[in-house]
Amino acid sequence: MRPKMQRKSSKVSQPKLRLEIESKTKFWYPVSRNGWWIKFSTYRDHYILLMIVSKYTAQTIIRYYENEDEAVAFINFVTTCDPDELIESA
């Protein structure tokens, strides 16, 4: 009887992957602007993750960008909106 062949996994272990992501991610403290809390982080100094929350409705908007100009344009759009009302187009 021949032994079964085992496949070598090419996956990176979860703890190792987590540590790699954490080491390449930068976080900033949330800022408050016009009734919105804005938190952003970058991964490898290139990828941008935005999390925007209304102080009054708790509407949460999460967006990912590769282009800084697009991220800034979205922040500017949201901060001009009324934080007491839901943003339908977000």
N, C-alpha and C. Protein backbone atom coordinates (compact mmCIF):
# COMPACT_ATOMS: atom_id res chain seq x y z
N MET A 1 0.84 -1.17 0.00
CA MET A 1 0.00 0.00 0.00
C MET A 1 0.89 1.24 0.00
N ARG A 2 0.59 2.16 -0.90
CA ARG A 2 1.39 3.37 -1.00
C ARG A 2 0.83 4.46 -0.09
N PRO A 3 1.72 5.24 0.53
CA PRO A 3 1.23 6.34 1.38
C PRO A 3 0.59 7.43 0.51
N LYS A 4 -0.40 8.07 1.07
CA LYS A 4 -1.06 9.16 0.35
C LYS A 4 -0.13 10.35 0.25
N MET A 5 -0.19 11.01 -0.88
CA MET A 5 0.64 12.21 -1.06
C MET A 5 -0.05 13.38 -0.38
N GLN A 6 0.71 14.16 0.28
CA GLN A 6 0.15 15.35 0.91
C GLN A 6 0.46 16.56 0.06
N ARG A 7 -0.53 17.41 -0.05
CA ARG A 7 -0.32 18.65 -0.79
C ARG A 7 0.34 19.67 0.12
N LYS A 8 1.24 20.42 -0.47
CA LYS A 8 1.83 21.52 0.27
C LYS A 8 0.95 22.74 0.06
N SER A 9 0.59 23.35 1.12
CA SER A 9 -0.28 24.52 1.03
C SER A 9 0.57 25.74 0.70
N SER A 10 0.10 26.49 -0.28
CA SER A 10 0.80 27.73 -0.63
C SER A 10 0.25 28.91 0.15
N LYS A 11 -0.73 28.64 0.98
CA LYS A 11 -1.33 29.71 1.77
C LYS A 11 -0.37 30.16 2.87
N VAL A 12 -0.40 31.45 3.13
CA VAL A 12 0.37 32.00 4.24
C VAL A 12 -0.47 31.79 5.49
N SER A 13 0.15 31.43 6.58
CA SER A 13 -0.60 31.21 7.81
C SER A 13 -1.30 32.49 8.24
N GLN A 14 -2.46 32.32 8.86
CA GLN A 14 -3.26 33.47 9.27
C GLN A 14 -2.49 34.44 10.18
N PRO A 15 -1.83 33.97 11.23
CA PRO A 15 -1.10 34.91 12.08
C PRO A 15 0.00 35.65 11.32
N LYS A 16 0.69 34.96 10.43
CA LYS A 16 1.76 35.60 9.67
C LYS A 16 1.19 36.65 8.72
N LEU A 17 0.09 36.33 8.05
CA LEU A 17 -0.57 37.28 7.15
C LEU A 17 -1.06 38.50 7.92
N ARG A 18 -1.66 38.27 9.06
CA ARG A 18 -2.16 39.37 9.89
C ARG A 18 -1.02 40.31 10.30
N LEU A 19 0.09 39.74 10.73
CA LEU A 19 1.23 40.55 11.13
C LEU A 19 1.79 41.35 9.96
N GLU A 20 1.81 40.74 8.79
CA GLU A 20 2.30 41.45 7.60
C GLU A 20 1.39 42.63 7.27
N ILE A 21 0.08 42.40 7.30
CA ILE A 21 -0.86 43.49 7.01
C ILE A 21 -0.74 44.59 8.05
N GLU A 22 -0.67 44.23 9.32
CA GLU A 22 -0.55 45.23 10.38
C GLU A 22 0.72 46.05 10.24
N SER A 23 1.81 45.43 9.84
CA SER A 23 3.07 46.15 9.74
C SER A 23 3.09 47.11 8.55
N LYS A 24 2.25 46.88 7.56
CA LYS A 24 2.24 47.72 6.36
C LYS A 24 1.04 48.67 6.31
N THR A 25 0.28 48.74 7.42
CA THR A 25 -0.90 49.59 7.49
C THR A 25 -0.66 50.73 8.46
N LYS A 26 -1.04 51.93 8.04
CA LYS A 26 -0.95 53.10 8.93
C LYS A 26 -2.37 53.59 9.22
N PHE A 27 -2.61 53.91 10.48
CA PHE A 27 -3.92 54.38 10.92
C PHE A 27 -3.79 55.80 11.47
N TRP A 28 -4.81 56.60 11.29
CA TRP A 28 -4.84 57.93 11.87
C TRP A 28 -6.07 58.03 12.76
N TYR A 29 -5.99 58.94 13.73
CA TYR A 29 -7.14 59.17 14.60
C TYR A 29 -8.28 59.75 13.79
N PRO A 30 -9.52 59.45 14.18
CA PRO A 30 -10.67 60.01 13.46
C PRO A 30 -10.72 61.53 13.60
N VAL A 31 -11.22 62.17 12.56
CA VAL A 31 -11.42 63.62 12.60
C VAL A 31 -12.91 63.88 12.53
N SER A 32 -13.34 64.95 13.17
CA SER A 32 -14.74 65.33 13.14
C SER A 32 -14.89 66.55 12.25
N ARG A 33 -15.79 66.44 11.27
CA ARG A 33 -16.00 67.55 10.36
C ARG A 33 -17.46 67.63 9.96
N ASN A 34 -18.11 68.76 10.28
CA ASN A 34 -19.50 69.02 9.88
C ASN A 34 -20.47 67.91 10.28
N GLY A 35 -20.30 67.33 11.45
CA GLY A 35 -21.21 66.29 11.92
C GLY A 35 -20.85 64.89 11.46
N TRP A 36 -19.70 64.74 10.87
CA TRP A 36 -19.23 63.43 10.39
C TRP A 36 -17.91 63.08 11.07
N TRP A 37 -17.74 61.82 11.43
CA TRP A 37 -16.45 61.32 11.89
C TRP A 37 -15.80 60.65 10.70
N ILE A 38 -14.57 61.00 10.43
CA ILE A 38 -13.85 60.45 9.29
C ILE A 38 -12.59 59.76 9.80
N LYS A 39 -12.46 58.50 9.47
CA LYS A 39 -11.27 57.73 9.85
C LYS A 39 -10.70 57.13 8.58
N PHE A 40 -9.40 57.27 8.43
CA PHE A 40 -8.80 56.65 7.25
C PHE A 40 -7.50 55.96 7.61
N SER A 41 -7.17 55.01 6.77
CA SER A 41 -5.92 54.27 6.92
C SER A 41 -5.36 53.99 5.54
N THR A 42 -4.08 53.72 5.50
CA THR A 42 -3.43 53.39 4.23
C THR A 42 -2.71 52.06 4.39
N TYR A 43 -2.67 51.32 3.30
CA TYR A 43 -1.96 50.05 3.26
C TYR A 43 -0.88 50.17 2.20
N ARG A 44 0.35 49.92 2.61
CA ARG A 44 1.52 50.05 1.73
C ARG A 44 1.63 51.44 1.12
N ASP A 45 1.20 52.45 1.85
CA ASP A 45 1.27 53.86 1.44
C ASP A 45 0.59 54.12 0.09
N HIS A 46 -0.28 53.23 -0.33
CA HIS A 46 -0.91 53.43 -1.63
C HIS A 46 -2.43 53.23 -1.58
N TYR A 47 -2.89 52.21 -0.90
CA TYR A 47 -4.31 51.90 -0.85
C TYR A 47 -4.95 52.64 0.33
N ILE A 48 -6.11 53.26 0.10
CA ILE A 48 -6.75 54.11 1.10
C ILE A 48 -8.09 53.51 1.48
N LEU A 49 -8.32 53.36 2.78
CA LEU A 49 -9.60 52.89 3.29
C LEU A 49 -10.22 54.01 4.10
N LEU A 50 -11.43 54.42 3.72
CA LEU A 50 -12.16 55.46 4.44
C LEU A 50 -13.33 54.84 5.20
N MET A 51 -13.52 55.30 6.42
CA MET A 51 -14.72 54.96 7.17
C MET A 51 -15.31 56.27 7.67
N ILE A 52 -16.52 56.55 7.25
CA ILE A 52 -17.18 57.81 7.58
C ILE A 52 -18.48 57.49 8.30
N VAL A 53 -18.70 58.13 9.47
CA VAL A 53 -19.89 57.85 10.27
C VAL A 53 -20.56 59.16 10.64
N SER A 54 -21.89 59.21 10.46
CA SER A 54 -22.66 60.38 10.88
C SER A 54 -22.78 60.36 12.40
N LYS A 55 -22.55 61.51 13.02
CA LYS A 55 -22.68 61.61 14.48
C LYS A 55 -24.14 61.45 14.92
N TYR A 56 -25.08 61.75 14.03
CA TYR A 56 -26.48 61.83 14.42
C TYR A 56 -27.30 60.62 13.99
N THR A 57 -27.01 60.02 12.85
CA THR A 57 -27.80 58.88 12.38
C THR A 57 -27.02 57.57 12.45
N ALA A 58 -25.73 57.65 12.70
CA ALA A 58 -24.84 56.48 12.73
C ALA A 58 -24.72 55.81 11.36
N GLN A 59 -25.15 56.52 10.30
CA GLN A 59 -24.94 55.97 8.96
C GLN A 59 -23.43 55.79 8.78
N THR A 60 -23.05 54.62 8.33
CA THR A 60 -21.64 54.30 8.16
C THR A 60 -21.36 54.04 6.69
N ILE A 61 -20.35 54.72 6.19
CA ILE A 61 -19.95 54.58 4.79
C ILE A 61 -18.50 54.11 4.78
N ILE A 62 -18.25 53.02 4.11
CA ILE A 62 -16.89 52.50 4.00
C ILE A 62 -16.53 52.44 2.53
N ARG A 63 -15.40 53.05 2.19
CA ARG A 63 -14.95 53.09 0.79
C ARG A 63 -13.46 52.79 0.72
N TYR A 64 -13.07 52.18 -0.37
CA TYR A 64 -11.68 51.83 -0.64
C TYR A 64 -11.26 52.55 -1.92
N TYR A 65 -10.10 53.18 -1.88
CA TYR A 65 -9.59 53.90 -3.05
C TYR A 65 -8.12 53.58 -3.29
N GLU A 66 -7.75 53.61 -4.54
CA GLU A 66 -6.34 53.53 -4.91
C GLU A 66 -5.82 54.91 -5.27
N ASN A 67 -6.74 55.83 -5.51
CA ASN A 67 -6.38 57.17 -5.95
C ASN A 67 -6.71 58.17 -4.84
N GLU A 68 -5.71 58.90 -4.37
CA GLU A 68 -5.90 59.85 -3.27
C GLU A 68 -6.87 60.97 -3.64
N ASP A 69 -6.82 61.44 -4.88
CA ASP A 69 -7.71 62.52 -5.31
C ASP A 69 -9.18 62.09 -5.24
N GLU A 70 -9.46 60.85 -5.61
CA GLU A 70 -10.83 60.34 -5.53
C GLU A 70 -11.29 60.24 -4.08
N ALA A 71 -10.40 59.82 -3.20
CA ALA A 71 -10.73 59.71 -1.77
C ALA A 71 -11.04 61.09 -1.20
N VAL A 72 -10.23 62.07 -1.54
CA VAL A 72 -10.45 63.44 -1.05
C VAL A 72 -11.76 64.00 -1.61
N ALA A 73 -12.04 63.76 -2.87
CA ALA A 73 -13.29 64.23 -3.47
C ALA A 73 -14.49 63.63 -2.76
N PHE A 74 -14.41 62.35 -2.40
CA PHE A 74 -15.52 61.71 -1.69
C PHE A 74 -15.68 62.29 -0.29
N ILE A 75 -14.58 62.52 0.40
CA ILE A 75 -14.66 63.15 1.73
C ILE A 75 -15.31 64.52 1.62
N ASN A 76 -14.90 65.31 0.64
CA ASN A 76 -15.49 66.64 0.44
C ASN A 76 -16.98 66.54 0.13
N PHE A 77 -17.38 65.55 -0.67
CA PHE A 77 -18.80 65.37 -0.98
C PHE A 77 -19.59 65.07 0.29
N VAL A 78 -19.12 64.11 1.08
CA VAL A 78 -19.85 63.70 2.28
C VAL A 78 -19.94 64.83 3.29
N THR A 79 -18.86 65.57 3.50
CA THR A 79 -18.89 66.63 4.52
C THR A 79 -19.77 67.80 4.12
N THR A 80 -20.18 67.88 2.86
CA THR A 80 -21.14 68.93 2.47
C THR A 80 -22.58 68.46 2.64
N CYS A 81 -22.77 67.16 2.90
CA CYS A 81 -24.11 66.61 3.10
C CYS A 81 -24.55 66.80 4.55
N ASP A 82 -25.86 66.85 4.75
CA ASP A 82 -26.44 67.01 6.08
C ASP A 82 -26.27 65.70 6.86
N PRO A 83 -25.58 65.74 8.00
CA PRO A 83 -25.37 64.51 8.76
C PRO A 83 -26.63 64.00 9.45
N ASP A 84 -27.71 64.82 9.47
CA ASP A 84 -28.97 64.39 10.06
C ASP A 84 -29.80 63.55 9.09
N GLU A 85 -29.43 63.55 7.82
CA GLU A 85 -30.19 62.80 6.82
C GLU A 85 -29.31 61.72 6.20
N LEU A 86 -29.94 60.63 5.81
CA LEU A 86 -29.19 59.55 5.17
C LEU A 86 -28.78 59.95 3.76
N ILE A 87 -27.62 59.55 3.37
CA ILE A 87 -27.14 59.82 2.01
C ILE A 87 -27.52 58.61 1.17
N GLU A 88 -28.42 58.81 0.24
CA GLU A 88 -28.90 57.69 -0.59
C GLU A 88 -27.86 57.26 -1.62
N SER A 89 -27.10 58.21 -2.15
CA SER A 89 -26.17 57.90 -3.22
C SER A 89 -24.81 57.41 -2.73
N ALA A 90 -24.65 57.31 -1.42
CA ALA A 90 -23.35 56.86 -0.90
C ALA A 90 -23.29 55.39 -1.01
